[in-house]
């Protein structure tokens, strides 16, 4: 979306405007260019005062592969779910979900639905109350009669600023990318005695990629680590971890892994370094947690190494690492102003912690809605489904807060379940949140950098890969099965 009138930029952060200007110049266009890439899209729908342009970009994002043209995915979605169902039947399973969940901690679709509905019961009343308050706030602020999808992020950010006097632009100067990377490395060192040395002797696929040699306290090689942080043409959105070469043992020799994390953060500009939003800080720590799972692997077979675990266990190491981003003791290590070097003020740290449960009812409902849509697609015979949009609308009826928009459809671009590995597995994000909240509670009880707890986590979770049932590994680390209360407390859904 090209903007040529400067008035349409009202509300946008300076860094977002500068990045849009540079992008337009790179395309030899006059004005400011905004795209559906997250570093461009998210700030626009969060901060732009122009409601019509927020709507335009939101509908563009929500209608990907849903325009009735050659790139429309509705027929492909139906083809995929039917082929998956047929394969499951051929192999003796009732549905694709039954087929997939046999090798998951949850084991059955019924258990997934029970788990999801238990959380839904706690989250929905809170979400509805949060949404009603957001509607009232938008009405008071701008006389908005009906809150729409393109209003949610914008007014949520405004309300958060009002309640906590906190916004991302206030925080970003303390989260220079290089400092956050060093912070993740320091946390890994304090927990697991790892050291990271940047090297330039490793072949890489693009000049933006950083390469590191990772060693243990004895100086022995643990892993080669690649980091690819910026958007570019041909690179997909989002963030992920990849294992180029897993760890394994062959002829008595422990062959160490090559691990990568990929993100899409705002590039440095002529006047500013890459400054991260707090959400991007947690994203980096999340992917770094996946990377640690790969780097610290210690198994015989590559097929069981690192992240080769049950899908509803794989997010535990990544999501548990996010918790350090909220802790004063960790933030003091790396959250320093990029110009002055000042450590982030403690009142900001307290605001970060206080705001962590802001709109958690709505966020929980949103994540549960994606998992329930996934189970709807894969937990039944899909042969009678003919209309993707109608099916999706029905699946969302218990979780949707916003008015229906005919122009959008999530399923046609739901890459997690139709392109990635999350079919019948999207619930695992929430499942892993239960695990990570319970696990981090153990760290908090002993101290967030407690070496004994960290070593138990490394020896029983990070190093073991898929060699044993994950519940056995978790109980060996924690001494008990995970309980949802820690997550519900963290989200502010119970006292």
Protein backbone atom coordinates (compact mmCIF):
# COMPACT_ATOMS: atom_id res chain seq x y z
CA UNK A 1 0.00 0.00 0.00
CA UNK A 2 1.59 3.25 -1.17
CA UNK A 3 0.81 6.41 0.80
CA UNK A 4 1.53 9.75 -0.86
CA UNK A 5 -0.24 12.12 1.55
CA UNK A 6 1.80 12.73 4.69
CA UNK A 7 -1.40 13.31 6.72
CA UNK A 8 -2.18 9.60 6.33
CA UNK A 9 0.91 8.78 8.40
CA UNK A 10 -0.56 10.35 11.56
CA UNK A 11 0.02 8.23 14.66
CA UNK A 12 2.77 6.09 13.15
CA UNK A 13 6.13 5.82 14.94
CA UNK A 14 9.04 7.69 13.40
CA UNK A 15 10.97 4.48 12.74
CA UNK A 16 8.04 2.91 10.90
CA UNK A 17 7.67 5.99 8.69
CA UNK A 18 11.38 6.05 7.92
CA UNK A 19 11.40 2.34 7.02
CA UNK A 20 8.37 2.84 4.72
CA UNK A 21 10.12 5.75 3.02
CA UNK A 22 13.25 3.67 2.43
CA UNK A 23 11.17 0.79 1.07
CA UNK A 24 9.41 3.13 -1.36
CA UNK A 25 12.75 4.54 -2.49
CA UNK A 26 14.11 1.02 -3.05
CA UNK A 27 11.14 0.41 -5.38
CA UNK A 28 11.70 3.80 -7.08
CA UNK A 29 8.38 5.14 -5.80
CA UNK A 30 7.45 8.48 -4.27
CA UNK A 31 5.88 8.35 -0.81
CA UNK A 32 5.77 5.66 1.86
CA UNK A 33 5.30 1.97 1.08
CA UNK A 34 3.63 -0.43 3.53
CA UNK A 35 3.37 -4.19 3.00
CA UNK A 36 1.95 -7.27 4.71
CA UNK A 37 5.41 -8.11 6.10
CA UNK A 38 5.02 -8.04 9.88
CA UNK A 39 7.55 -5.22 10.59
CA UNK A 40 5.45 -3.03 8.28
CA UNK A 41 1.93 -4.40 8.83
CA UNK A 42 1.85 -4.70 12.64
CA UNK A 43 2.94 -1.11 13.42
CA UNK A 44 0.50 0.23 10.83
CA UNK A 45 -2.62 -1.48 12.19
CA UNK A 46 -1.47 -0.74 15.75
CA UNK A 47 -0.67 2.97 15.45
CA UNK A 48 -2.13 4.51 12.26
CA UNK A 49 -4.89 6.99 13.08
CA UNK A 50 -6.45 6.63 9.61
CA UNK A 51 -9.18 4.04 10.17
CA UNK A 52 -9.91 3.51 6.47
CA UNK A 53 -6.28 2.67 5.74
CA UNK A 54 -6.14 0.32 8.73
CA UNK A 55 -9.21 -1.37 7.27
CA UNK A 56 -7.62 -1.58 3.82
CA UNK A 57 -4.46 -3.25 5.12
CA UNK A 58 -6.35 -5.54 7.52
CA UNK A 59 -8.65 -6.78 4.76
CA UNK A 60 -5.65 -7.29 2.46
CA UNK A 61 -3.99 -9.45 5.12
CA UNK A 62 -7.20 -11.36 5.87
CA UNK A 63 -8.06 -12.07 2.25
CA UNK A 64 -4.80 -13.70 1.17
CA UNK A 65 -5.58 -16.55 -1.24
CA UNK A 66 -9.30 -15.75 -0.91
CA UNK A 67 -10.04 -13.57 -3.90
CA UNK A 68 -11.62 -16.03 -6.33
CA UNK A 69 -8.65 -15.81 -8.71
CA UNK A 70 -5.94 -18.23 -9.84
CA UNK A 71 -4.23 -17.88 -6.45
CA UNK A 72 -7.36 -18.72 -4.44
CA UNK A 73 -6.73 -21.60 -2.01
CA UNK A 74 -10.29 -22.66 -1.14
CA UNK A 75 -10.23 -25.69 -3.43
CA UNK A 76 -6.75 -26.61 -2.24
CA UNK A 77 -7.85 -26.49 1.42
CA UNK A 78 -10.70 -28.91 0.69
CA UNK A 79 -8.39 -31.15 -1.30
CA UNK A 80 -5.83 -31.27 1.51
CA UNK A 81 -8.30 -32.13 4.28
CA UNK A 82 -9.98 -34.80 2.17
CA UNK A 83 -6.69 -36.43 1.18
CA UNK A 84 -5.54 -36.41 4.80
CA UNK A 85 -8.81 -38.03 5.88
CA UNK A 86 -8.54 -40.69 3.18
CA UNK A 87 -4.97 -41.49 4.21
CA UNK A 88 -6.03 -41.83 7.85
CA UNK A 89 -8.85 -44.20 6.86
CA UNK A 90 -6.48 -46.31 4.74
CA UNK A 91 -4.20 -46.64 7.76
CA UNK A 92 -7.06 -47.66 10.04
CA UNK A 93 -7.76 -44.36 11.81
CA UNK A 94 -11.14 -42.66 12.18
CA UNK A 95 -9.84 -39.20 11.23
CA UNK A 96 -6.62 -37.35 10.46
CA UNK A 97 -6.65 -36.05 14.04
CA UNK A 98 -6.75 -39.60 15.44
CA UNK A 99 -3.85 -40.51 13.13
CA UNK A 100 -1.70 -37.54 14.19
CA UNK A 101 -2.47 -37.49 17.90
CA UNK A 102 -1.44 -41.09 18.45
CA UNK A 103 2.11 -39.71 18.63
CA UNK A 104 1.39 -36.67 20.78
CA UNK A 105 1.19 -36.11 24.52
CA UNK A 106 -2.56 -35.45 24.19
CA UNK A 107 -3.07 -38.84 22.43
CA UNK A 108 -6.70 -38.32 21.30
CA UNK A 109 -8.90 -35.59 19.75
CA UNK A 110 -11.25 -35.95 22.69
CA UNK A 111 -8.48 -35.03 25.13
CA UNK A 112 -7.50 -32.02 22.99
CA UNK A 113 -11.09 -30.79 22.97
CA UNK A 114 -11.47 -31.33 26.72
CA UNK A 115 -8.24 -29.38 27.30
CA UNK A 116 -9.28 -26.56 24.95
CA UNK A 117 -12.80 -26.31 26.34
CA UNK A 118 -11.52 -26.20 29.93
CA UNK A 119 -9.37 -23.17 29.05
CA UNK A 120 -12.20 -21.68 26.97
CA UNK A 121 -14.50 -21.86 29.99
CA UNK A 122 -12.00 -19.77 32.00
CA UNK A 123 -11.00 -17.38 29.20
CA UNK A 124 -14.31 -16.53 27.51
CA UNK A 125 -15.92 -14.53 30.34
CA UNK A 126 -12.70 -12.53 30.76
CA UNK A 127 -12.41 -12.01 26.99
CA UNK A 128 -15.99 -10.77 26.67
CA UNK A 129 -15.48 -8.33 29.53
CA UNK A 130 -12.21 -7.08 28.01
CA UNK A 131 -13.89 -6.63 24.63
CA UNK A 132 -16.80 -4.72 26.16
CA UNK A 133 -14.35 -2.41 27.94
CA UNK A 134 -12.44 -1.92 24.70
CA UNK A 135 -15.67 -1.02 22.90
CA UNK A 136 -16.53 1.53 25.59
CA UNK A 137 -13.03 3.00 25.38
CA UNK A 138 -13.21 3.34 21.57
CA UNK A 139 -16.64 4.96 21.89
CA UNK A 140 -15.40 7.46 24.46
CA UNK A 141 -12.21 8.24 22.56
CA UNK A 142 -13.39 8.41 18.95
CA UNK A 143 -17.15 7.81 19.04
CA UNK A 144 -16.72 4.37 17.42
CA UNK A 145 -20.12 2.66 17.43
CA UNK A 146 -18.95 -0.78 16.26
CA UNK A 147 -15.49 -2.14 16.99
CA UNK A 148 -14.14 -3.94 13.90
CA UNK A 149 -11.13 -6.18 13.32
CA UNK A 150 -9.08 -3.24 12.06
CA UNK A 151 -9.73 -1.41 15.32
CA UNK A 152 -8.61 -4.09 17.79
CA UNK A 153 -4.84 -3.57 17.86
CA UNK A 154 -5.18 0.21 17.58
CA UNK A 155 -7.49 0.72 20.55
CA UNK A 156 -5.84 -2.04 22.59
CA UNK A 157 -2.55 -0.16 22.29
CA UNK A 158 -4.25 3.14 23.20
CA UNK A 159 -5.91 1.54 26.23
CA UNK A 160 -2.66 -0.10 27.32
CA UNK A 161 -0.92 3.26 27.15
CA UNK A 162 -3.67 4.80 29.26
CA UNK A 163 -3.70 2.05 31.89
CA UNK A 164 0.03 1.46 32.18
CA UNK A 165 1.60 4.58 30.63
CA UNK A 166 3.54 2.13 28.51
CA UNK A 167 3.99 1.80 24.77
CA UNK A 168 6.46 0.09 22.50
CA UNK A 169 8.02 3.35 21.33
CA UNK A 170 8.93 4.05 24.95
CA UNK A 171 10.55 0.63 25.29
CA UNK A 172 12.26 0.20 21.91
CA UNK A 173 15.34 2.37 22.70
CA UNK A 174 16.24 -0.19 25.38
CA UNK A 175 16.04 -3.13 22.99
CA UNK A 176 18.68 -2.63 20.34
CA UNK A 177 18.88 -5.91 18.41
CA UNK A 178 22.57 -6.49 19.13
CA UNK A 179 21.98 -5.99 22.86
CA UNK A 180 19.04 -8.41 22.88
CA UNK A 181 21.14 -11.04 21.08
CA UNK A 182 23.88 -10.60 23.68
CA UNK A 183 21.22 -10.84 26.38
CA UNK A 184 19.96 -14.18 25.07
CA UNK A 185 23.56 -15.42 24.95
CA UNK A 186 24.19 -14.23 28.53
CA UNK A 187 21.06 -15.94 29.83
CA UNK A 188 22.19 -19.17 28.11
CA UNK A 189 25.62 -18.79 29.68
CA UNK A 190 24.24 -18.27 33.18
CA UNK A 191 21.87 -21.22 32.83
CA UNK A 192 23.81 -23.73 30.74
CA UNK A 193 27.46 -22.49 30.68
CA UNK A 194 27.36 -21.79 26.93
CA UNK A 195 29.62 -19.27 25.17
CA UNK A 196 28.92 -17.71 21.75
CA UNK A 197 31.71 -16.42 19.51
CA UNK A 198 30.88 -14.70 16.22
CA UNK A 199 32.98 -16.15 13.39
CA UNK A 200 33.32 -15.38 9.68
CA UNK A 201 34.72 -18.69 8.44
CA UNK A 202 31.34 -20.41 8.00
CA UNK A 203 29.66 -20.40 4.59
CA UNK A 204 26.30 -18.63 4.67
CA UNK A 205 23.43 -18.22 2.21
CA UNK A 206 23.05 -14.43 2.55
CA UNK A 207 25.21 -11.56 3.74
CA UNK A 208 22.66 -10.64 6.45
CA UNK A 209 23.22 -13.96 8.23
CA UNK A 210 25.37 -13.99 11.38
CA UNK A 211 27.35 -17.11 12.31
CA UNK A 212 28.56 -18.21 15.74
CA UNK A 213 30.64 -20.95 17.30
CA UNK A 214 29.00 -22.23 20.49
CA UNK A 215 31.17 -23.88 23.16
CA UNK A 216 30.67 -25.29 26.66
CA UNK A 217 32.56 -24.39 29.85
CA UNK A 218 35.40 -26.71 28.82
CA UNK A 219 35.76 -25.00 25.46
CA UNK A 220 34.37 -27.99 23.56
CA UNK A 221 32.19 -27.39 20.50
CA UNK A 222 28.46 -27.52 21.21
CA UNK A 223 27.04 -26.20 17.94
CA UNK A 224 27.37 -23.91 14.96
CA UNK A 225 24.65 -21.27 15.18
CA UNK A 226 23.19 -19.13 12.37
CA UNK A 227 20.97 -16.05 12.88
CA UNK A 228 19.00 -14.39 10.05
CA UNK A 229 17.07 -11.40 11.38
CA UNK A 230 15.84 -9.09 8.58
CA UNK A 231 13.11 -9.24 5.89
CA UNK A 232 14.10 -9.36 2.22
CA UNK A 233 12.57 -10.24 -1.10
CA UNK A 234 11.76 -13.96 -1.33
CA UNK A 235 11.90 -14.53 2.44
CA UNK A 236 8.64 -15.53 4.12
CA UNK A 237 7.10 -13.75 7.09
CA UNK A 238 7.31 -14.87 10.67
CA UNK A 239 10.01 -16.48 12.76
CA UNK A 240 11.28 -20.04 13.00
CA UNK A 241 14.15 -22.32 13.96
CA UNK A 242 15.79 -24.77 11.57
CA UNK A 243 18.24 -27.61 12.09
CA UNK A 244 20.58 -27.75 9.10
CA UNK A 245 22.39 -30.69 10.66
CA UNK A 246 21.12 -32.46 13.78
CA UNK A 247 23.30 -33.83 16.55
CA UNK A 248 24.03 -37.58 16.54
CA UNK A 249 26.64 -40.13 17.60
CA UNK A 250 28.44 -42.18 14.94
CA UNK A 251 31.38 -44.55 15.50
CA UNK A 252 31.63 -43.28 19.07
CA UNK A 253 31.97 -39.64 17.99
CA UNK A 254 29.41 -37.02 19.04
CA UNK A 255 28.74 -35.05 15.86
CA UNK A 256 27.53 -31.60 16.83
CA UNK A 257 24.57 -29.78 15.22
CA UNK A 258 24.22 -26.74 12.94
CA UNK A 259 21.22 -24.71 14.13
CA UNK A 260 19.56 -21.59 12.70
CA UNK A 261 16.96 -19.07 13.82
CA UNK A 262 15.17 -16.81 11.34
CA UNK A 263 13.15 -13.68 12.19
CA UNK A 264 11.83 -10.58 10.42
CA UNK A 265 12.83 -7.53 12.45
CA UNK A 266 12.98 -3.93 11.24
CA UNK A 267 16.28 -3.24 9.50
CA UNK A 268 18.58 -0.49 10.75
CA UNK A 269 18.04 2.83 9.00
CA UNK A 270 20.50 5.61 8.24
CA UNK A 271 19.74 7.24 11.57
CA UNK A 272 18.78 4.35 13.89
CA UNK A 273 19.89 0.80 14.66
CA UNK A 274 17.38 -2.04 14.63
CA UNK A 275 15.24 -1.42 17.71
CA UNK A 276 12.85 -4.18 18.75
CA UNK A 277 9.36 -3.99 20.16
CA UNK A 278 8.91 -5.97 23.36
CA UNK A 279 6.93 -8.55 21.39
CA UNK A 280 9.91 -8.94 19.05
CA UNK A 281 12.21 -9.38 22.07
CA UNK A 282 10.06 -12.29 23.26
CA UNK A 283 10.01 -13.66 19.69
CA UNK A 284 13.81 -13.71 19.60
CA UNK A 285 13.98 -15.47 22.97
CA UNK A 286 11.28 -17.90 21.79
CA UNK A 287 13.21 -18.96 18.70
CA UNK A 288 16.42 -19.03 20.72
CA UNK A 289 14.73 -21.53 23.06
CA UNK A 290 14.08 -23.78 20.06
CA UNK A 291 17.72 -23.30 19.09
CA UNK A 292 18.92 -24.38 22.54
CA UNK A 293 16.80 -27.53 22.19
CA UNK A 294 18.73 -28.29 19.00
CA UNK A 295 22.15 -27.17 20.21
CA UNK A 296 22.15 -29.05 23.52
CA UNK A 297 20.93 -32.33 22.02
CA UNK A 298 22.75 -35.43 23.20
CA UNK A 299 21.21 -38.50 21.57
CA UNK A 300 22.50 -41.36 19.45
CA UNK A 301 20.13 -41.07 16.51
CA UNK A 302 19.48 -37.89 14.46
CA UNK A 303 15.81 -38.83 14.08
CA UNK A 304 15.38 -38.43 17.86
CA UNK A 305 17.66 -35.42 18.31
CA UNK A 306 16.80 -31.89 19.42
CA UNK A 307 13.33 -30.76 18.39
CA UNK A 308 12.40 -34.21 17.03
CA UNK A 309 9.88 -34.66 19.82
CA UNK A 310 6.12 -34.96 20.12
CA UNK A 311 4.64 -31.83 18.53
CA UNK A 312 2.83 -30.74 21.71
CA UNK A 313 6.14 -30.86 23.60
CA UNK A 314 8.28 -29.01 21.05
CA UNK A 315 7.14 -25.53 22.17
CA UNK A 316 8.14 -26.02 25.83
CA UNK A 317 11.81 -24.98 25.46
CA UNK A 318 10.89 -22.00 23.27
CA UNK A 319 8.02 -20.71 25.36
CA UNK A 320 9.78 -21.18 28.68
CA UNK A 321 12.65 -18.96 27.45
CA UNK A 322 10.22 -16.06 26.91
CA UNK A 323 9.73 -15.83 30.68
CA UNK A 324 13.20 -14.37 31.24
CA UNK A 325 12.16 -11.30 29.22
CA UNK A 326 9.83 -10.27 32.04
CA UNK A 327 12.33 -10.65 34.88
CA UNK A 328 14.25 -7.70 36.34
CA UNK A 329 17.31 -9.87 36.98
CA UNK A 330 17.49 -10.81 33.29
CA UNK A 331 16.48 -7.46 31.77
CA UNK A 332 19.29 -5.71 33.66
CA UNK A 333 21.75 -7.81 31.64
CA UNK A 334 20.80 -6.43 28.24
CA UNK A 335 17.98 -3.84 28.26
CA UNK A 336 20.16 -0.74 27.89
CA UNK A 337 19.41 2.50 26.05
CA UNK A 338 21.09 2.41 22.64
CA UNK A 339 22.32 6.02 22.96
CA UNK A 340 23.12 6.48 26.67
CA UNK A 341 23.76 2.92 27.85
CA UNK A 342 21.29 3.50 30.71
CA UNK A 343 19.81 0.27 32.07
CA UNK A 344 16.04 0.12 31.64
CA UNK A 345 14.40 1.92 34.60
CA UNK A 346 12.78 -0.38 37.12
CA UNK A 347 9.45 1.42 36.82
CA UNK A 348 9.35 0.34 33.16
CA UNK A 349 10.21 -3.22 34.18
CA UNK A 350 7.30 -3.18 36.63
CA UNK A 351 5.00 -1.83 33.93
CA UNK A 352 6.11 -4.63 31.58
CA UNK A 353 5.25 -7.20 34.24
CA UNK A 354 1.98 -5.50 35.17
CA UNK A 355 0.89 -5.29 31.54
CA UNK A 356 1.80 -8.92 30.78
CA UNK A 357 -1.74 -10.06 31.58
CA UNK A 358 -3.36 -7.19 29.63
CA UNK A 359 -6.13 -8.58 27.41
CA UNK A 360 -5.00 -12.14 28.14
CA UNK A 361 -8.61 -13.28 28.00
CA UNK A 362 -8.89 -12.06 24.40
CA UNK A 363 -5.45 -13.40 23.49
CA UNK A 364 -6.26 -16.81 24.98
CA UNK A 365 -9.58 -16.89 23.15
CA UNK A 366 -7.81 -16.04 19.89
CA UNK A 367 -5.28 -18.86 20.24
CA UNK A 368 -7.96 -21.33 21.28
CA UNK A 369 -10.03 -20.35 18.24
CA UNK A 370 -7.16 -21.29 15.92
CA UNK A 371 -6.71 -24.64 17.65
CA UNK A 372 -10.43 -25.39 17.56
CA UNK A 373 -10.59 -24.50 13.84
CA UNK A 374 -7.72 -26.91 13.23
CA UNK A 375 -9.54 -29.69 15.10
CA UNK A 376 -12.77 -28.95 13.19
CA UNK A 377 -10.95 -29.39 9.88
CA UNK A 378 -9.17 -32.58 10.91
CA UNK A 379 -11.39 -34.22 13.54
CA UNK A 380 -14.25 -35.27 11.26
CA UNK A 381 -15.04 -36.61 7.80
CA UNK A 382 -14.65 -33.50 5.57
CA UNK A 383 -16.23 -35.00 2.46
CA UNK A 384 -19.48 -33.04 2.92
CA UNK A 385 -17.78 -29.67 3.41
CA UNK A 386 -18.26 -27.53 0.31
CA UNK A 387 -17.87 -23.92 1.48
CA UNK A 388 -14.63 -23.03 3.27
CA UNK A 389 -15.82 -19.64 4.54
CA UNK A 390 -19.11 -20.98 5.93
CA UNK A 391 -17.32 -23.87 7.63
CA UNK A 392 -14.80 -21.50 9.21
CA UNK A 393 -17.53 -19.12 10.40
CA UNK A 394 -19.31 -22.00 12.13
CA UNK A 395 -16.04 -23.15 13.73
CA UNK A 396 -15.43 -19.65 15.13
CA UNK A 397 -18.96 -19.09 16.48
CA UNK A 398 -18.01 -19.76 20.13
CA UNK A 399 -14.80 -17.71 20.06
CA UNK A 400 -15.38 -14.77 17.72
CA UNK A 401 -15.79 -11.33 19.27
CA UNK A 402 -15.75 -9.12 16.17
CA UNK A 403 -18.46 -8.73 13.51
CA UNK A 404 -18.17 -11.13 10.57
CA UNK A 405 -16.24 -9.80 7.56
CA UNK A 406 -17.22 -11.44 4.28
CA UNK A 407 -13.97 -10.42 2.56
CA UNK A 408 -11.67 -12.41 4.84
CA UNK A 409 -10.94 -16.09 5.43
CA UNK A 410 -8.22 -17.42 7.69
CA UNK A 411 -8.14 -21.00 6.42
CA UNK A 412 -6.90 -20.13 2.92
CA UNK A 413 -3.68 -18.74 4.41
CA UNK A 414 -3.48 -20.82 7.62
CA UNK A 415 0.01 -22.00 6.77
CA UNK A 416 0.61 -23.62 10.17
CA UNK A 417 -1.92 -26.38 9.49
CA UNK A 418 -1.97 -26.53 5.68
CA UNK A 419 1.70 -25.91 4.90
CA UNK A 420 3.62 -26.39 8.14
CA UNK A 421 3.56 -29.28 10.56
CA UNK A 422 0.73 -28.20 12.83
CA UNK A 423 -2.27 -30.05 11.36
CA UNK A 424 -4.22 -31.42 14.34
CA UNK A 425 -1.52 -29.78 16.43
CA UNK A 426 -2.21 -26.06 16.75
CA UNK A 427 -3.56 -26.70 20.26
CA UNK A 428 0.03 -27.51 21.21
CA UNK A 429 0.88 -23.82 21.62
CA UNK A 430 -1.57 -23.57 24.52
CA UNK A 431 -0.61 -27.05 25.74
CA UNK A 432 3.02 -25.94 25.86
CA UNK A 433 2.02 -22.74 27.69
CA UNK A 434 0.67 -24.93 30.48
CA UNK A 435 4.02 -26.75 30.50
CA UNK A 436 6.13 -23.59 30.34
CA UNK A 437 4.20 -21.74 33.07
CA UNK A 438 4.50 -24.77 35.34
CA UNK A 439 8.19 -25.20 34.51
CA UNK A 440 9.07 -21.54 35.04
CA UNK A 441 7.26 -21.57 38.36
CA UNK A 442 9.90 -24.14 39.39
CA UNK A 443 12.67 -21.74 38.30
CA UNK A 444 11.03 -18.88 40.22
CA UNK A 445 10.81 -20.95 43.38
CA UNK A 446 14.57 -21.65 43.29
CA UNK A 447 15.80 -18.47 41.51
CA UNK A 448 15.57 -17.80 37.79
CA UNK A 449 19.28 -18.53 37.27
CA UNK A 450 19.44 -21.46 39.67
CA UNK A 451 22.04 -23.85 38.23
CA UNK A 452 20.51 -26.98 39.77
CA UNK A 453 17.10 -26.39 38.17
CA UNK A 454 18.73 -25.32 34.88
CA UNK A 455 20.84 -28.48 34.82
CA UNK A 456 17.77 -30.63 35.47
CA UNK A 457 16.01 -28.88 32.57
CA UNK A 458 19.00 -29.40 30.28
CA UNK A 459 19.59 -33.03 31.25
CA UNK A 460 15.95 -34.14 31.22
CA UNK A 461 14.38 -31.96 28.52
CA UNK A 462 16.81 -30.13 26.22
CA UNK A 463 19.35 -32.91 25.73
CA UNK A 464 16.98 -35.88 25.49
CA UNK A 465 15.08 -35.05 22.31
CA UNK A 466 12.49 -37.71 21.53
CA UNK A 467 14.24 -40.60 23.25
CA UNK A 468 11.49 -41.04 25.87
CA UNK A 469 7.84 -40.15 26.34
CA UNK A 470 7.79 -36.39 27.03
CA UNK A 471 5.61 -36.73 30.13
CA UNK A 472 8.24 -39.06 31.61
CA UNK A 473 10.94 -36.48 30.83
CA UNK A 474 8.89 -33.61 32.22
CA UNK A 475 8.10 -35.42 35.47
CA UNK A 476 11.78 -36.30 35.85
CA UNK A 477 12.59 -32.59 35.58
CA UNK A 478 9.69 -31.19 37.60
CA UNK A 479 8.88 -34.05 39.94
CA UNK A 480 5.19 -33.89 39.00
CA UNK A 481 2.82 -33.60 36.06
CA UNK A 482 2.13 -30.05 34.83
CA UNK A 483 -0.87 -28.22 36.24
CA UNK A 484 -2.83 -25.50 34.36
CA UNK A 485 -3.11 -23.28 37.45
CA UNK A 486 0.30 -21.65 36.86
CA UNK A 487 -0.78 -20.54 33.37
CA UNK A 488 -4.19 -19.32 34.50
CA UNK A 489 -2.57 -17.30 37.30
CA UNK A 490 0.02 -15.82 34.94
CA UNK A 491 -2.72 -14.80 32.52
CA UNK A 492 -4.74 -13.23 35.34
CA UNK A 493 -7.67 -15.57 34.66
CA UNK A 494 -7.67 -16.90 38.23
CA UNK A 495 -6.31 -15.43 41.46
